[in-house]
Amino acid sequence: MIDEELDELVPAVVADLGIDADGHSTVVGRNVTVGLRAISSESPETSFYQHLVDQYRDQPTAD
């Protein structure tokens, strides 16, 4: 995962969790902190995370 992909993913995570400017999530009903970091798609330890990224990419778009 590269920085550009993280930049694209952050708004989607914020929207999915219903996070407002104060950090309150309407989904979980409390303040949350979200931290994303780049991961290596080459590492076997990160295969689960890569699976989540692939699921996000494969979602149908509302064109």
N, C-alpha and C. Protein backbone atom coordinates (compact mmCIF):
# COMPACT_ATOMS: atom_id res chain seq x y z
N MET A 1 0.86 -1.16 0.00
CA MET A 1 0.00 0.00 0.00
C MET A 1 0.90 1.22 0.00
N ILE A 2 0.57 2.17 -0.83
CA ILE A 2 1.38 3.38 -0.94
C ILE A 2 0.61 4.57 -0.37
N ASP A 3 1.32 5.68 -0.17
CA ASP A 3 0.72 6.86 0.44
C ASP A 3 -0.52 7.34 -0.31
N GLU A 4 -0.49 7.28 -1.62
CA GLU A 4 -1.64 7.73 -2.40
C GLU A 4 -2.87 6.87 -2.11
N GLU A 5 -2.65 5.58 -1.92
CA GLU A 5 -3.76 4.68 -1.59
C GLU A 5 -4.30 4.98 -0.18
N LEU A 6 -3.40 5.30 0.74
CA LEU A 6 -3.85 5.70 2.08
C LEU A 6 -4.68 6.97 2.01
N ASP A 7 -4.22 7.93 1.21
CA ASP A 7 -4.95 9.18 1.06
C ASP A 7 -6.35 8.95 0.52
N GLU A 8 -6.51 7.96 -0.33
CA GLU A 8 -7.82 7.62 -0.89
C GLU A 8 -8.67 6.86 0.12
N LEU A 9 -8.03 6.05 0.94
CA LEU A 9 -8.74 5.20 1.89
C LEU A 9 -9.27 5.97 3.11
N VAL A 10 -8.55 6.98 3.55
CA VAL A 10 -8.93 7.72 4.77
C VAL A 10 -10.35 8.28 4.69
N PRO A 11 -10.74 9.01 3.63
CA PRO A 11 -12.11 9.52 3.59
C PRO A 11 -13.17 8.42 3.62
N ALA A 12 -12.86 7.27 3.02
CA ALA A 12 -13.81 6.16 3.02
C ALA A 12 -13.99 5.60 4.43
N VAL A 13 -12.90 5.47 5.18
CA VAL A 13 -12.98 4.98 6.55
C VAL A 13 -13.74 5.96 7.42
N VAL A 14 -13.43 7.24 7.28
CA VAL A 14 -14.12 8.29 8.05
C VAL A 14 -15.62 8.27 7.75
N ALA A 15 -15.98 8.15 6.49
CA ALA A 15 -17.40 8.12 6.11
C ALA A 15 -18.08 6.86 6.63
N ASP A 16 -17.42 5.71 6.49
CA ASP A 16 -18.02 4.45 6.96
C ASP A 16 -18.25 4.44 8.46
N LEU A 17 -17.38 5.10 9.21
CA LEU A 17 -17.52 5.14 10.66
C LEU A 17 -18.35 6.34 11.12
N GLY A 18 -18.74 7.22 10.20
CA GLY A 18 -19.54 8.38 10.57
C GLY A 18 -18.80 9.31 11.51
N ILE A 19 -17.52 9.56 11.24
CA ILE A 19 -16.70 10.38 12.13
C ILE A 19 -16.85 11.85 11.77
N ASP A 20 -17.18 12.67 12.78
CA ASP A 20 -17.30 14.11 12.55
C ASP A 20 -15.98 14.81 12.86
N ALA A 21 -15.96 16.14 12.73
CA ALA A 21 -14.74 16.92 12.91
C ALA A 21 -14.18 16.82 14.33
N ASP A 22 -15.02 16.49 15.29
CA ASP A 22 -14.57 16.36 16.69
C ASP A 22 -14.09 14.95 17.02
N GLY A 23 -14.15 14.02 16.04
CA GLY A 23 -13.70 12.66 16.26
C GLY A 23 -14.77 11.73 16.80
N HIS A 24 -16.03 12.19 16.82
CA HIS A 24 -17.12 11.36 17.30
C HIS A 24 -17.65 10.50 16.16
N SER A 25 -17.78 9.20 16.43
CA SER A 25 -18.31 8.26 15.44
C SER A 25 -19.77 7.97 15.76
N THR A 26 -20.64 8.22 14.78
CA THR A 26 -22.05 7.90 14.97
C THR A 26 -22.29 6.40 14.92
N VAL A 27 -21.38 5.65 14.34
CA VAL A 27 -21.53 4.20 14.24
C VAL A 27 -21.30 3.52 15.59
N VAL A 28 -20.26 3.94 16.30
CA VAL A 28 -19.95 3.31 17.59
C VAL A 28 -20.42 4.14 18.77
N GLY A 29 -20.87 5.36 18.51
CA GLY A 29 -21.43 6.19 19.56
C GLY A 29 -20.43 6.75 20.55
N ARG A 30 -19.21 6.96 20.10
CA ARG A 30 -18.19 7.55 20.98
C ARG A 30 -17.08 8.14 20.13
N ASN A 31 -16.15 8.85 20.78
CA ASN A 31 -15.01 9.40 20.06
C ASN A 31 -14.05 8.26 19.69
N VAL A 32 -13.47 8.38 18.52
CA VAL A 32 -12.53 7.37 18.03
C VAL A 32 -11.30 8.04 17.45
N THR A 33 -10.24 7.28 17.39
CA THR A 33 -9.01 7.71 16.72
C THR A 33 -8.70 6.66 15.66
N VAL A 34 -8.45 7.12 14.45
CA VAL A 34 -8.13 6.22 13.36
C VAL A 34 -6.70 6.47 12.94
N GLY A 35 -5.92 5.41 12.88
CA GLY A 35 -4.54 5.50 12.42
C GLY A 35 -4.31 4.52 11.29
N LEU A 36 -3.84 5.01 10.19
CA LEU A 36 -3.54 4.15 9.05
C LEU A 36 -2.05 4.27 8.74
N ARG A 37 -1.48 3.18 8.33
CA ARG A 37 -0.07 3.20 7.94
C ARG A 37 0.12 2.33 6.72
N ALA A 38 1.12 2.64 5.98
CA ALA A 38 1.43 1.84 4.79
C ALA A 38 1.90 0.45 5.22
N ILE A 39 1.50 -0.55 4.46
CA ILE A 39 1.95 -1.92 4.72
C ILE A 39 2.55 -2.48 3.44
N SER A 40 3.40 -3.45 3.62
CA SER A 40 4.01 -4.11 2.47
C SER A 40 3.10 -5.23 2.00
N SER A 41 2.74 -5.21 0.75
CA SER A 41 1.91 -6.29 0.21
C SER A 41 2.72 -7.56 -0.01
N GLU A 42 4.03 -7.46 0.15
CA GLU A 42 4.92 -8.60 -0.05
C GLU A 42 5.01 -9.49 1.20
N SER A 43 4.69 -8.93 2.36
CA SER A 43 4.88 -9.64 3.62
C SER A 43 3.71 -10.57 3.92
N PRO A 44 3.98 -11.83 4.26
CA PRO A 44 2.91 -12.77 4.59
C PRO A 44 2.12 -12.33 5.83
N GLU A 45 2.78 -11.61 6.74
CA GLU A 45 2.11 -11.16 7.96
C GLU A 45 0.99 -10.17 7.68
N THR A 46 1.02 -9.52 6.54
CA THR A 46 0.02 -8.50 6.23
C THR A 46 -1.03 -8.97 5.23
N SER A 47 -1.07 -10.27 4.96
CA SER A 47 -1.99 -10.77 3.93
C SER A 47 -3.45 -10.51 4.30
N PHE A 48 -3.80 -10.54 5.59
CA PHE A 48 -5.17 -10.25 5.99
C PHE A 48 -5.53 -8.81 5.67
N TYR A 49 -4.61 -7.89 5.96
CA TYR A 49 -4.87 -6.48 5.68
C TYR A 49 -4.99 -6.25 4.18
N GLN A 50 -4.17 -6.94 3.41
CA GLN A 50 -4.26 -6.80 1.96
C GLN A 50 -5.61 -7.29 1.47
N HIS A 51 -6.13 -8.34 2.10
CA HIS A 51 -7.45 -8.86 1.75
C HIS A 51 -8.52 -7.77 1.99
N LEU A 52 -8.42 -7.04 3.10
CA LEU A 52 -9.37 -5.97 3.38
C LEU A 52 -9.28 -4.85 2.34
N VAL A 53 -8.06 -4.52 1.96
CA VAL A 53 -7.87 -3.49 0.93
C VAL A 53 -8.47 -3.95 -0.38
N ASP A 54 -8.25 -5.20 -0.74
CA ASP A 54 -8.81 -5.75 -1.98
C ASP A 54 -10.34 -5.72 -1.95
N GLN A 55 -10.94 -6.03 -0.80
CA GLN A 55 -12.40 -5.97 -0.68
C GLN A 55 -12.89 -4.55 -0.93
N TYR A 56 -12.19 -3.57 -0.37
CA TYR A 56 -12.57 -2.17 -0.56
C TYR A 56 -12.48 -1.80 -2.03
N ARG A 57 -11.41 -2.20 -2.67
CA ARG A 57 -11.22 -1.87 -4.09
C ARG A 57 -12.27 -2.53 -4.97
N ASP A 58 -12.73 -3.72 -4.58
CA ASP A 58 -13.68 -4.48 -5.40
C ASP A 58 -15.13 -4.06 -5.20
N GLN A 59 -15.40 -3.12 -4.30
CA GLN A 59 -16.78 -2.69 -4.08
C GLN A 59 -17.30 -1.99 -5.33
N PRO A 60 -18.55 -2.24 -5.66
CA PRO A 60 -19.12 -1.53 -6.82
C PRO A 60 -19.24 -0.03 -6.51
N THR A 61 -19.00 0.76 -7.51
CA THR A 61 -19.11 2.22 -7.33
C THR A 61 -20.50 2.68 -7.72
N ALA A 62 -20.90 3.80 -7.17
CA ALA A 62 -22.22 4.37 -7.47
C ALA A 62 -22.09 5.39 -8.59
N ASP A 63 -21.76 4.92 -9.79
CA ASP A 63 -21.59 5.82 -10.94
C ASP A 63 -22.91 6.19 -11.54
